[in-house]
Amino acid sequence: MSEAQASSVDALTPTPSLVQTAVAAVRSVTTFVAIALYVLIAAPPGLLLAQVFKWPGVLYVLGHGGVRLALALAGIRIVVRGREHLKPERAMVFCANHQSNVDPPVLFRVLHPRLHILYKAELSKLPLLGRVFILGEFVPVERANREAAMASVSRGAESLRAGNSFLIFPEGTRSRTRELLPFKKGGFIMALQAGVPIVPVAVEGGRAAMHKGSKLVWPTTVTVTIGPPIETAGMGIDDRDTLITTVRDTIQAML
């Protein structure tokens, strides 16, 4: 689907009524307030246990609890296809398209009980959550600094070799249309360095819940389609462009 076609489809989407907008606003405010309170209450003891007793797993338990709460309050339902491709016992890089702010929590909930994330370094400045990301062993990437970004990729590869699975959004930002943006290479180099498979993931429905620039979260159903793993064993760094094309074409076909 071209960008022009995507825009025409969006133009056909019914305009919500004032009542629907009011309901969405109330649900959105309730969700934001509830999650802020949840973080304020749950994060300090979770951080204490993770730091003092070296139990990062407690942060994942609390994280899944917060995500379940947020999705339920916002009215986000999830349909998952291709669960048979999930192998929690094996390190993988999950590669997903990115349309909305609801994509990360939905995928965190669905893909793996202890999913690590390659994320933009600016998020480390968030109160409490930034510290949760660090102790949860997420890997920040400074996209404006190539040397620092490559060091983060190496850290991610080391974590993959230790058995941890990662989520990447190779577009780097949310797409405003149904078209995939160009893919960045860092996450693919990370997978190649570690020799782990890449799992293509297609997310649909996120834009209906919260498109880029929206202040409201609309109740909707988000569909997550998980494709078969694409093996990287035997590949080298020089194969990254071919791998990117294969993964991108696969996700595009799944959408």
Protein backbone atom coordinates (compact mmCIF):
# COMPACT_ATOMS: atom_id res chain seq x y z
CA MET A 1 0.00 0.00 0.00
CA SER A 2 1.40 3.39 -1.01
CA GLU A 3 1.39 6.43 1.27
CA ALA A 4 -1.34 7.99 -0.88
CA GLN A 5 -3.46 4.87 -0.54
CA ALA A 6 -2.84 4.77 3.21
CA SER A 7 -3.93 8.40 3.50
CA SER A 8 -7.12 7.70 1.55
CA VAL A 9 -7.91 4.76 3.84
CA ASP A 10 -7.37 6.97 6.90
CA ALA A 11 -9.68 9.55 5.36
CA LEU A 12 -12.46 6.95 5.27
CA THR A 13 -12.19 6.29 9.02
CA PRO A 14 -15.35 7.61 10.72
CA THR A 15 -14.92 10.74 12.81
CA PRO A 16 -15.65 9.93 16.48
CA SER A 17 -18.66 11.59 18.08
CA LEU A 18 -18.39 13.99 21.02
CA VAL A 19 -19.61 11.23 23.35
CA GLN A 20 -16.99 8.80 22.07
CA THR A 21 -14.30 11.45 22.44
CA ALA A 22 -15.41 12.24 25.99
CA VAL A 23 -15.36 8.57 26.96
CA ALA A 24 -11.90 8.12 25.43
CA ALA A 25 -10.67 11.21 27.29
CA VAL A 26 -11.96 9.92 30.64
CA ARG A 27 -10.44 6.49 30.06
CA SER A 28 -7.14 8.02 28.96
CA VAL A 29 -6.85 10.28 32.01
CA THR A 30 -7.81 7.37 34.28
CA THR A 31 -5.15 5.19 32.66
CA PHE A 32 -2.41 7.83 32.90
CA VAL A 33 -3.19 8.61 36.54
CA ALA A 34 -3.44 4.93 37.52
CA ILE A 35 -0.12 4.07 35.88
CA ALA A 36 1.61 7.09 37.43
CA LEU A 37 0.39 5.94 40.86
CA TYR A 38 1.38 2.35 40.09
CA VAL A 39 4.92 3.43 39.21
CA LEU A 40 5.20 5.64 42.31
CA ILE A 41 4.04 2.79 44.56
CA ALA A 42 5.64 -0.24 42.90
CA ALA A 43 8.90 1.10 41.50
CA PRO A 44 10.74 2.06 44.74
CA PRO A 45 10.45 -1.37 46.44
CA GLY A 46 11.08 -3.09 43.11
CA LEU A 47 14.23 -1.05 42.53
CA LEU A 48 15.40 -1.76 46.07
CA LEU A 49 14.98 -5.52 45.64
CA ALA A 50 16.62 -5.45 42.20
CA GLN A 51 19.61 -3.41 43.34
CA VAL A 52 20.27 -4.76 46.84
CA PHE A 53 19.40 -8.42 46.31
CA LYS A 54 20.27 -8.59 42.58
CA TRP A 55 16.74 -9.65 41.63
CA PRO A 56 16.04 -7.90 38.29
CA GLY A 57 13.26 -10.45 37.72
CA VAL A 58 11.05 -8.61 40.20
CA LEU A 59 11.06 -5.60 37.85
CA TYR A 60 9.67 -7.75 35.04
CA VAL A 61 6.91 -9.11 37.29
CA LEU A 62 5.95 -5.55 38.29
CA GLY A 63 6.32 -4.39 34.69
CA HIS A 64 3.88 -6.99 33.40
CA GLY A 65 1.45 -6.05 36.16
CA GLY A 66 1.59 -2.39 35.16
CA VAL A 67 1.17 -3.20 31.47
CA ARG A 68 -1.86 -5.42 32.13
CA LEU A 69 -3.42 -2.63 34.20
CA ALA A 70 -2.78 0.02 31.56
CA LEU A 71 -4.11 -2.04 28.65
CA ALA A 72 -7.23 -3.05 30.60
CA LEU A 73 -8.05 0.50 31.65
CA ALA A 74 -7.45 1.87 28.15
CA GLY A 75 -9.60 -0.85 26.57
CA ILE A 76 -6.80 -2.33 24.45
CA ARG A 77 -7.49 -5.93 23.49
CA ILE A 78 -4.80 -8.13 21.94
CA VAL A 79 -5.08 -10.85 19.30
CA VAL A 80 -1.92 -12.90 18.75
CA ARG A 81 -1.15 -15.01 15.70
CA GLY A 82 1.89 -17.24 15.36
CA ARG A 83 2.47 -18.01 19.05
CA GLU A 84 4.08 -21.29 17.96
CA HIS A 85 7.13 -19.28 16.85
CA LEU A 86 7.82 -18.04 20.40
CA LYS A 87 10.67 -19.95 22.06
CA PRO A 88 11.25 -18.41 25.53
CA GLU A 89 14.17 -20.73 26.17
CA ARG A 90 16.12 -19.38 23.16
CA ALA A 91 17.63 -15.92 22.75
CA MET A 92 16.08 -14.05 19.83
CA VAL A 93 15.76 -10.54 18.44
CA PHE A 94 12.13 -9.60 17.85
CA CYS A 95 11.91 -7.04 15.05
CA ALA A 96 8.63 -5.10 14.84
CA ASN A 97 7.08 -2.26 12.89
CA HIS A 98 6.17 0.82 14.96
CA GLN A 99 2.94 2.78 14.53
CA SER A 100 1.98 3.88 18.03
CA ASN A 101 3.00 4.37 21.66
CA VAL A 102 0.85 1.34 22.53
CA ASP A 103 3.15 -0.98 20.51
CA PRO A 104 5.93 -1.35 23.15
CA PRO A 105 3.65 -2.32 26.07
CA VAL A 106 1.61 -4.67 23.87
CA LEU A 107 4.73 -6.46 22.63
CA PHE A 108 6.32 -6.49 26.09
CA ARG A 109 3.20 -8.30 27.30
CA VAL A 110 3.05 -10.78 24.42
CA LEU A 111 6.53 -11.78 23.27
CA HIS A 112 8.57 -12.88 26.28
CA PRO A 113 8.30 -12.91 30.10
CA ARG A 114 11.66 -11.13 30.41
CA LEU A 115 11.91 -9.17 27.19
CA HIS A 116 14.87 -6.78 26.97
CA ILE A 117 14.58 -3.67 24.84
CA LEU A 118 17.00 -1.64 22.74
CA TYR A 119 15.71 1.89 23.44
CA LYS A 120 16.63 5.51 22.78
CA ALA A 121 18.92 6.86 25.51
CA GLU A 122 16.72 9.92 26.20
CA LEU A 123 14.23 7.66 27.99
CA SER A 124 16.84 6.98 30.68
CA LYS A 125 16.02 10.46 32.03
CA LEU A 126 12.46 9.45 32.97
CA PRO A 127 11.89 9.52 36.75
CA LEU A 128 12.00 6.00 38.25
CA LEU A 129 11.35 4.32 34.89
CA GLY A 130 14.80 5.30 33.64
CA ARG A 131 16.33 3.50 36.60
CA VAL A 132 14.02 0.52 36.01
CA PHE A 133 15.28 0.29 32.42
CA ILE A 134 18.90 0.26 33.60
CA LEU A 135 18.43 -2.33 36.37
CA GLY A 136 16.23 -4.41 34.05
CA GLU A 137 19.29 -4.55 31.75
CA PHE A 138 17.64 -2.79 28.83
CA VAL A 139 20.24 -1.27 26.49
CA PRO A 140 20.09 2.49 25.71
CA VAL A 141 21.25 3.73 22.31
CA GLU A 142 22.54 7.24 21.66
CA ARG A 143 21.50 7.56 18.06
CA ALA A 144 23.32 10.85 17.50
CA ASN A 145 26.67 9.36 18.56
CA ARG A 146 27.78 6.56 16.23
CA GLU A 147 30.63 5.37 18.45
CA ALA A 148 28.37 5.19 21.53
CA ALA A 149 25.63 3.53 19.46
CA MET A 150 27.99 0.78 18.28
CA ALA A 151 29.14 0.24 21.88
CA SER A 152 25.47 -0.26 22.82
CA VAL A 153 25.06 -2.75 19.98
CA SER A 154 28.04 -4.70 21.34
CA ARG A 155 26.48 -4.68 24.82
CA GLY A 156 23.26 -5.98 23.35
CA ALA A 157 25.09 -8.77 21.51
CA GLU A 158 26.79 -9.78 24.76
CA SER A 159 23.41 -9.88 26.50
CA LEU A 160 21.98 -12.01 23.68
CA ARG A 161 24.87 -14.45 24.03
CA ALA A 162 24.00 -14.66 27.74
CA GLY A 163 20.52 -15.89 26.75
CA ASN A 164 18.42 -12.71 26.84
CA SER A 165 15.91 -11.85 24.10
CA PHE A 166 15.49 -8.33 22.73
CA LEU A 167 12.83 -6.22 21.06
CA ILE A 168 13.88 -3.69 18.42
CA PHE A 169 11.92 -1.14 16.39
CA PRO A 170 14.27 -0.72 13.40
CA GLU A 171 12.29 2.19 11.95
CA GLY A 172 13.59 4.22 14.90
CA THR A 173 10.37 6.20 15.26
CA ARG A 174 6.63 5.81 14.74
CA SER A 175 5.38 5.81 11.18
CA ARG A 176 2.55 8.26 10.47
CA THR A 177 1.19 5.98 7.73
CA ARG A 178 0.88 2.26 7.14
CA GLU A 179 4.12 2.39 5.14
CA LEU A 180 7.27 1.02 6.78
CA LEU A 181 10.05 3.57 7.24
CA PRO A 182 13.65 2.71 6.30
CA PHE A 183 15.24 0.24 8.74
CA LYS A 184 18.27 1.19 10.82
CA LYS A 185 21.09 -1.36 11.02
CA GLY A 186 22.05 -1.49 14.72
CA GLY A 187 19.68 -4.21 15.88
CA PHE A 188 20.57 -6.43 12.91
CA ILE A 189 24.29 -6.06 13.56
CA MET A 190 23.58 -7.01 17.18
CA ALA A 191 21.81 -10.21 16.08
CA LEU A 192 24.58 -11.06 13.63
CA GLN A 193 27.29 -10.54 16.24
CA ALA A 194 25.47 -12.88 18.62
CA GLY A 195 24.43 -15.38 15.93
CA VAL A 196 20.80 -15.42 17.09
CA PRO A 197 17.66 -15.52 14.92
CA ILE A 198 15.53 -12.50 14.12
CA VAL A 199 11.79 -12.93 14.53
CA PRO A 200 9.67 -10.63 12.31
CA VAL A 201 6.65 -9.17 14.11
CA ALA A 202 3.81 -7.22 12.50
CA VAL A 203 1.63 -5.00 14.70
CA GLU A 204 -1.70 -3.71 13.40
CA GLY A 205 -4.27 -1.56 15.17
CA GLY A 206 -1.88 0.57 17.17
CA ARG A 207 -2.56 3.69 15.14
CA ALA A 208 -6.29 3.35 15.84
CA ALA A 209 -5.47 3.33 19.55
CA MET A 210 -3.00 6.20 19.60
CA HIS A 211 -1.56 7.65 16.41
CA LYS A 212 1.55 9.82 16.47
CA GLY A 213 0.70 13.17 18.07
CA SER A 214 -2.48 11.93 19.76
CA LYS A 215 -3.11 12.76 23.43
CA LEU A 216 -5.89 10.16 23.80
CA VAL A 217 -5.86 6.38 23.87
CA TRP A 218 -8.83 4.88 22.04
CA PRO A 219 -10.22 1.42 22.86
CA THR A 220 -9.40 -0.96 20.05
CA THR A 221 -8.02 -4.39 19.18
CA VAL A 222 -4.32 -4.69 18.38
CA THR A 223 -3.28 -7.69 16.31
CA VAL A 224 0.24 -9.07 16.70
CA THR A 225 1.44 -11.49 14.02
CA ILE A 226 4.65 -13.38 14.80
CA GLY A 227 6.54 -14.85 11.88
CA PRO A 228 8.96 -17.79 11.76
CA PRO A 229 12.49 -17.02 13.03
CA ILE A 230 15.01 -16.00 10.38
CA GLU A 231 18.31 -17.66 11.24
CA THR A 232 21.55 -15.68 11.20
CA ALA A 233 23.93 -18.57 11.92
CA GLY A 234 26.68 -18.59 9.32
CA MET A 235 26.06 -14.97 8.34
CA GLY A 236 28.59 -12.17 8.81
CA ILE A 237 28.32 -8.40 9.20
CA ASP A 238 28.60 -8.04 5.42
CA ASP A 239 25.24 -9.83 5.13
CA ARG A 240 23.40 -7.16 7.13
CA ASP A 241 21.81 -5.39 4.14
CA THR A 242 20.48 -8.67 2.74
CA LEU A 243 19.15 -9.61 6.18
CA ILE A 244 17.46 -6.22 6.60
CA THR A 245 15.77 -6.57 3.21
CA THR A 246 14.55 -10.07 4.04
CA VAL A 247 13.13 -9.06 7.43
CA ARG A 248 11.55 -5.85 6.11
CA ASP A 249 9.90 -7.63 3.17
CA THR A 250 8.59 -10.30 5.55
CA ILE A 251 7.03 -7.77 7.92
CA GLN A 252 5.55 -5.83 5.00
CA ALA A 253 3.95 -9.01 3.70
CA MET A 254 2.52 -9.79 7.13
CA LEU A 255 0.84 -6.38 7.47
